[in-house]
Amino acid sequence: MKDETIHQIFENALKDPELFSTIDIERLLDSIENEKNEYLDEKTMEDITKDIYEIINEVFYEDEKEEICNKLVGYRYVDLLHELHKGKHIRWIRHNKNNKNDNNQKNVIGPKLTNGGIVTDIKFLDNGTHILCKNLIGRFIQYKFDDCYTFQKLSVDEQLILMAYEHISTKKP
């Protein structure tokens, strides 16, 4: 539902000539140039969704896939550390050391999507890179980035950029 609202806003913005007269184009372009959004270059919402589905398809059992994908609507998969932004909400799934297809293990707890938290710090330690975040109840949680699949919430600006690329790609011959 939230995606439909953003999509409607974007479509209305394209159709409403009065809106363009109220937008400070220079300021908008400056803000886009100042933000590091190169990880979104030429990507669409479909590309972001496909990235997430590929991870979920690899990690979860068939009956869990749809539910997990629905929980990650509005997120993007972060595989490169420099694409992770402080101050934004993340969720993660630990790499399953006990492969889901390994039937020899008993009482194996399968992969789990965490509730996550807001990224507060990125630490470079002797044993790897750790992400420190604060959850909804104010507790700090730290996890090892290399041991998890990380998903970061898309901001409204990022969603609009993705929709703009999608709009541009549908207009190309």
Protein backbone atom coordinates (compact mmCIF):
# COMPACT_ATOMS: atom_id res chain seq x y z
CA MET A 1 0.00 0.00 0.00
CA LYS A 2 2.78 2.40 0.89
CA ASP A 3 4.43 1.76 -2.50
CA GLU A 4 1.18 2.61 -4.26
CA THR A 5 1.01 5.93 -2.41
CA ILE A 6 4.56 6.86 -3.42
CA HIS A 7 3.84 5.72 -6.96
CA GLN A 8 0.71 7.91 -7.02
CA ILE A 9 2.71 10.89 -5.73
CA PHE A 10 5.29 10.36 -8.46
CA GLU A 11 2.63 10.01 -11.17
CA ASN A 12 0.81 13.12 -9.92
CA ALA A 13 4.08 15.04 -9.94
CA LEU A 14 4.61 14.10 -13.57
CA LYS A 15 1.11 15.24 -14.54
CA ASP A 16 0.83 18.44 -12.47
CA PRO A 17 2.51 21.43 -14.17
CA GLU A 18 1.80 23.67 -11.14
CA LEU A 19 3.87 21.38 -8.94
CA PHE A 20 6.96 22.04 -11.02
CA SER A 21 6.57 25.79 -10.51
CA THR A 22 6.65 25.30 -6.70
CA ILE A 23 9.70 23.03 -6.70
CA ASP A 24 13.12 24.61 -6.34
CA ILE A 25 14.79 22.58 -9.07
CA GLU A 26 18.30 23.80 -8.22
CA ARG A 27 17.91 22.80 -4.57
CA LEU A 28 16.48 19.41 -5.56
CA LEU A 29 19.36 18.73 -7.97
CA ASP A 30 21.90 19.81 -5.34
CA SER A 31 20.41 17.47 -2.76
CA ILE A 32 20.46 14.56 -5.22
CA GLU A 33 24.07 15.31 -6.19
CA ASN A 34 25.16 15.65 -2.54
CA GLU A 35 23.65 12.34 -1.50
CA LYS A 36 25.52 9.20 -2.39
CA ASN A 37 22.93 7.31 -4.41
CA GLU A 38 25.16 5.69 -7.02
CA TYR A 39 24.07 2.25 -5.75
CA LEU A 40 20.65 3.09 -7.27
CA ASP A 41 21.98 4.08 -10.70
CA GLU A 42 19.83 2.60 -13.47
CA LYS A 43 17.99 0.34 -10.98
CA THR A 44 14.23 0.05 -10.66
CA MET A 45 11.97 -1.17 -7.88
CA GLU A 46 11.76 -4.43 -9.82
CA ASP A 47 15.56 -4.81 -9.68
CA ILE A 48 15.58 -4.19 -5.91
CA THR A 49 12.77 -6.72 -5.40
CA LYS A 50 14.55 -9.28 -7.57
CA ASP A 51 17.76 -8.93 -5.50
CA ILE A 52 15.81 -9.58 -2.30
CA TYR A 53 13.91 -12.52 -3.80
CA GLU A 54 17.15 -14.20 -4.91
CA ILE A 55 18.52 -14.06 -1.35
CA ILE A 56 15.25 -15.26 0.22
CA ASN A 57 14.94 -18.05 -2.35
CA GLU A 58 18.42 -19.28 -1.43
CA VAL A 59 17.94 -19.12 2.35
CA PHE A 60 14.34 -19.97 3.26
CA TYR A 61 12.03 -22.96 2.80
CA GLU A 62 9.33 -22.65 0.14
CA ASP A 63 6.48 -22.02 2.60
CA GLU A 64 8.34 -19.10 4.24
CA LYS A 65 9.48 -17.20 1.15
CA GLU A 66 6.38 -15.13 0.45
CA GLU A 67 6.00 -14.02 4.07
CA ILE A 68 9.66 -12.93 4.33
CA CYS A 69 9.54 -11.12 0.98
CA ASN A 70 6.43 -9.23 2.14
CA LYS A 71 8.26 -8.16 5.31
CA LEU A 72 11.08 -6.76 3.19
CA VAL A 73 8.93 -4.59 0.91
CA GLY A 74 10.48 -1.12 0.98
CA TYR A 75 13.97 -2.43 1.78
CA ARG A 76 17.01 -2.99 -0.39
CA TYR A 77 19.71 -5.63 -0.12
CA VAL A 78 23.07 -4.20 0.97
CA ASP A 79 26.03 -6.34 -0.05
CA LEU A 80 28.70 -3.64 -0.01
CA LEU A 81 29.57 -1.93 3.25
CA HIS A 82 29.89 1.57 1.76
CA GLU A 83 26.22 1.35 0.68
CA LEU A 84 25.09 1.06 4.32
CA HIS A 85 23.88 4.37 5.76
CA LYS A 86 23.95 5.41 9.40
CA GLY A 87 20.63 6.59 10.80
CA LYS A 88 18.51 4.26 8.67
CA HIS A 89 16.64 1.13 9.71
CA ILE A 90 18.10 -2.26 8.83
CA ARG A 91 17.10 -5.88 9.19
CA TRP A 92 19.34 -8.88 8.68
CA ILE A 93 19.38 -12.64 8.29
CA ARG A 94 22.35 -14.65 9.53
CA HIS A 95 24.01 -16.82 6.92
CA ASN A 96 22.72 -20.28 7.67
CA LYS A 97 25.77 -22.28 8.73
CA ASN A 98 23.53 -25.35 8.86
CA ASN A 99 22.33 -25.38 5.28
CA LYS A 100 18.54 -25.69 4.96
CA ASN A 101 19.05 -28.73 2.72
CA ASP A 102 21.16 -30.58 5.29
CA ASN A 103 18.81 -33.24 6.65
CA ASN A 104 21.49 -34.83 8.87
CA GLN A 105 21.15 -32.10 11.51
CA LYS A 106 18.46 -32.46 14.16
CA ASN A 107 16.80 -29.55 15.95
CA VAL A 108 18.33 -27.02 13.58
CA ILE A 109 16.78 -23.60 13.93
CA GLY A 110 16.28 -22.17 10.48
CA PRO A 111 17.17 -18.70 9.29
CA LYS A 112 15.36 -15.79 10.91
CA LEU A 113 14.70 -12.24 9.75
CA THR A 114 15.50 -9.96 12.67
CA ASN A 115 13.42 -6.94 13.66
CA GLY A 116 16.64 -4.98 13.27
CA GLY A 117 17.25 -1.41 14.31
CA ILE A 118 18.72 1.95 13.35
CA VAL A 119 22.39 1.89 12.28
CA THR A 120 24.39 3.92 14.78
CA ASP A 121 27.96 2.88 14.03
CA ILE A 122 30.15 0.71 11.81
CA LYS A 123 33.12 -0.84 13.63
CA PHE A 124 36.21 -2.32 12.03
CA LEU A 125 37.52 -4.93 14.47
CA ASP A 126 40.18 -7.63 14.31
CA ASN A 127 37.60 -10.30 13.55
CA GLY A 128 35.73 -8.31 10.87
CA THR A 129 33.28 -5.50 10.35
CA HIS A 130 30.51 -5.10 12.90
CA ILE A 131 27.34 -3.05 12.65
CA LEU A 132 26.01 -1.43 15.81
CA CYS A 133 22.34 -0.54 15.83
CA LYS A 134 19.68 0.51 18.29
CA ASN A 135 16.40 -1.40 18.32
CA LEU A 136 12.89 -0.15 19.04
CA ILE A 137 13.18 -0.69 22.80
CA GLY A 138 16.45 1.24 23.03
CA ARG A 139 18.85 -1.72 23.28
CA PHE A 140 22.03 -1.73 21.25
CA ILE A 141 22.69 -4.76 19.08
CA GLN A 142 25.90 -5.54 17.26
CA TYR A 143 26.30 -8.10 14.49
CA LYS A 144 29.06 -9.15 12.13
CA PHE A 145 28.28 -7.75 8.66
CA ASP A 146 30.06 -10.55 6.78
CA ASP A 147 27.98 -13.23 8.54
CA CYS A 148 24.60 -11.79 7.55
CA TYR A 149 22.44 -10.68 4.67
CA THR A 150 21.62 -7.04 5.40
CA PHE A 151 18.56 -5.13 4.17
CA GLN A 152 18.18 -1.36 4.63
CA LYS A 153 14.91 0.57 4.55
CA LEU A 154 14.55 2.73 1.46
CA SER A 155 13.89 6.40 2.13
CA VAL A 156 11.13 8.20 0.23
CA ASP A 157 13.82 9.95 -1.84
CA GLU A 158 15.39 6.61 -2.76
CA GLN A 159 12.00 5.20 -3.74
CA LEU A 160 11.31 8.24 -5.93
CA ILE A 161 14.70 7.84 -7.62
CA LEU A 162 13.94 4.18 -8.35
CA MET A 163 10.54 5.11 -9.76
CA ALA A 164 12.11 7.81 -11.90
CA TYR A 165 14.56 5.28 -13.36
CA GLU A 166 11.64 2.93 -13.95
CA HIS A 167 9.71 5.72 -15.69
CA ILE A 168 12.75 6.58 -17.83
CA SER A 169 13.39 2.93 -18.77
CA THR A 170 9.78 2.45 -19.92
CA LYS A 171 10.05 5.56 -22.16
CA LYS A 172 13.15 4.27 -23.99
CA PRO A 173 12.46 2.70 -27.41
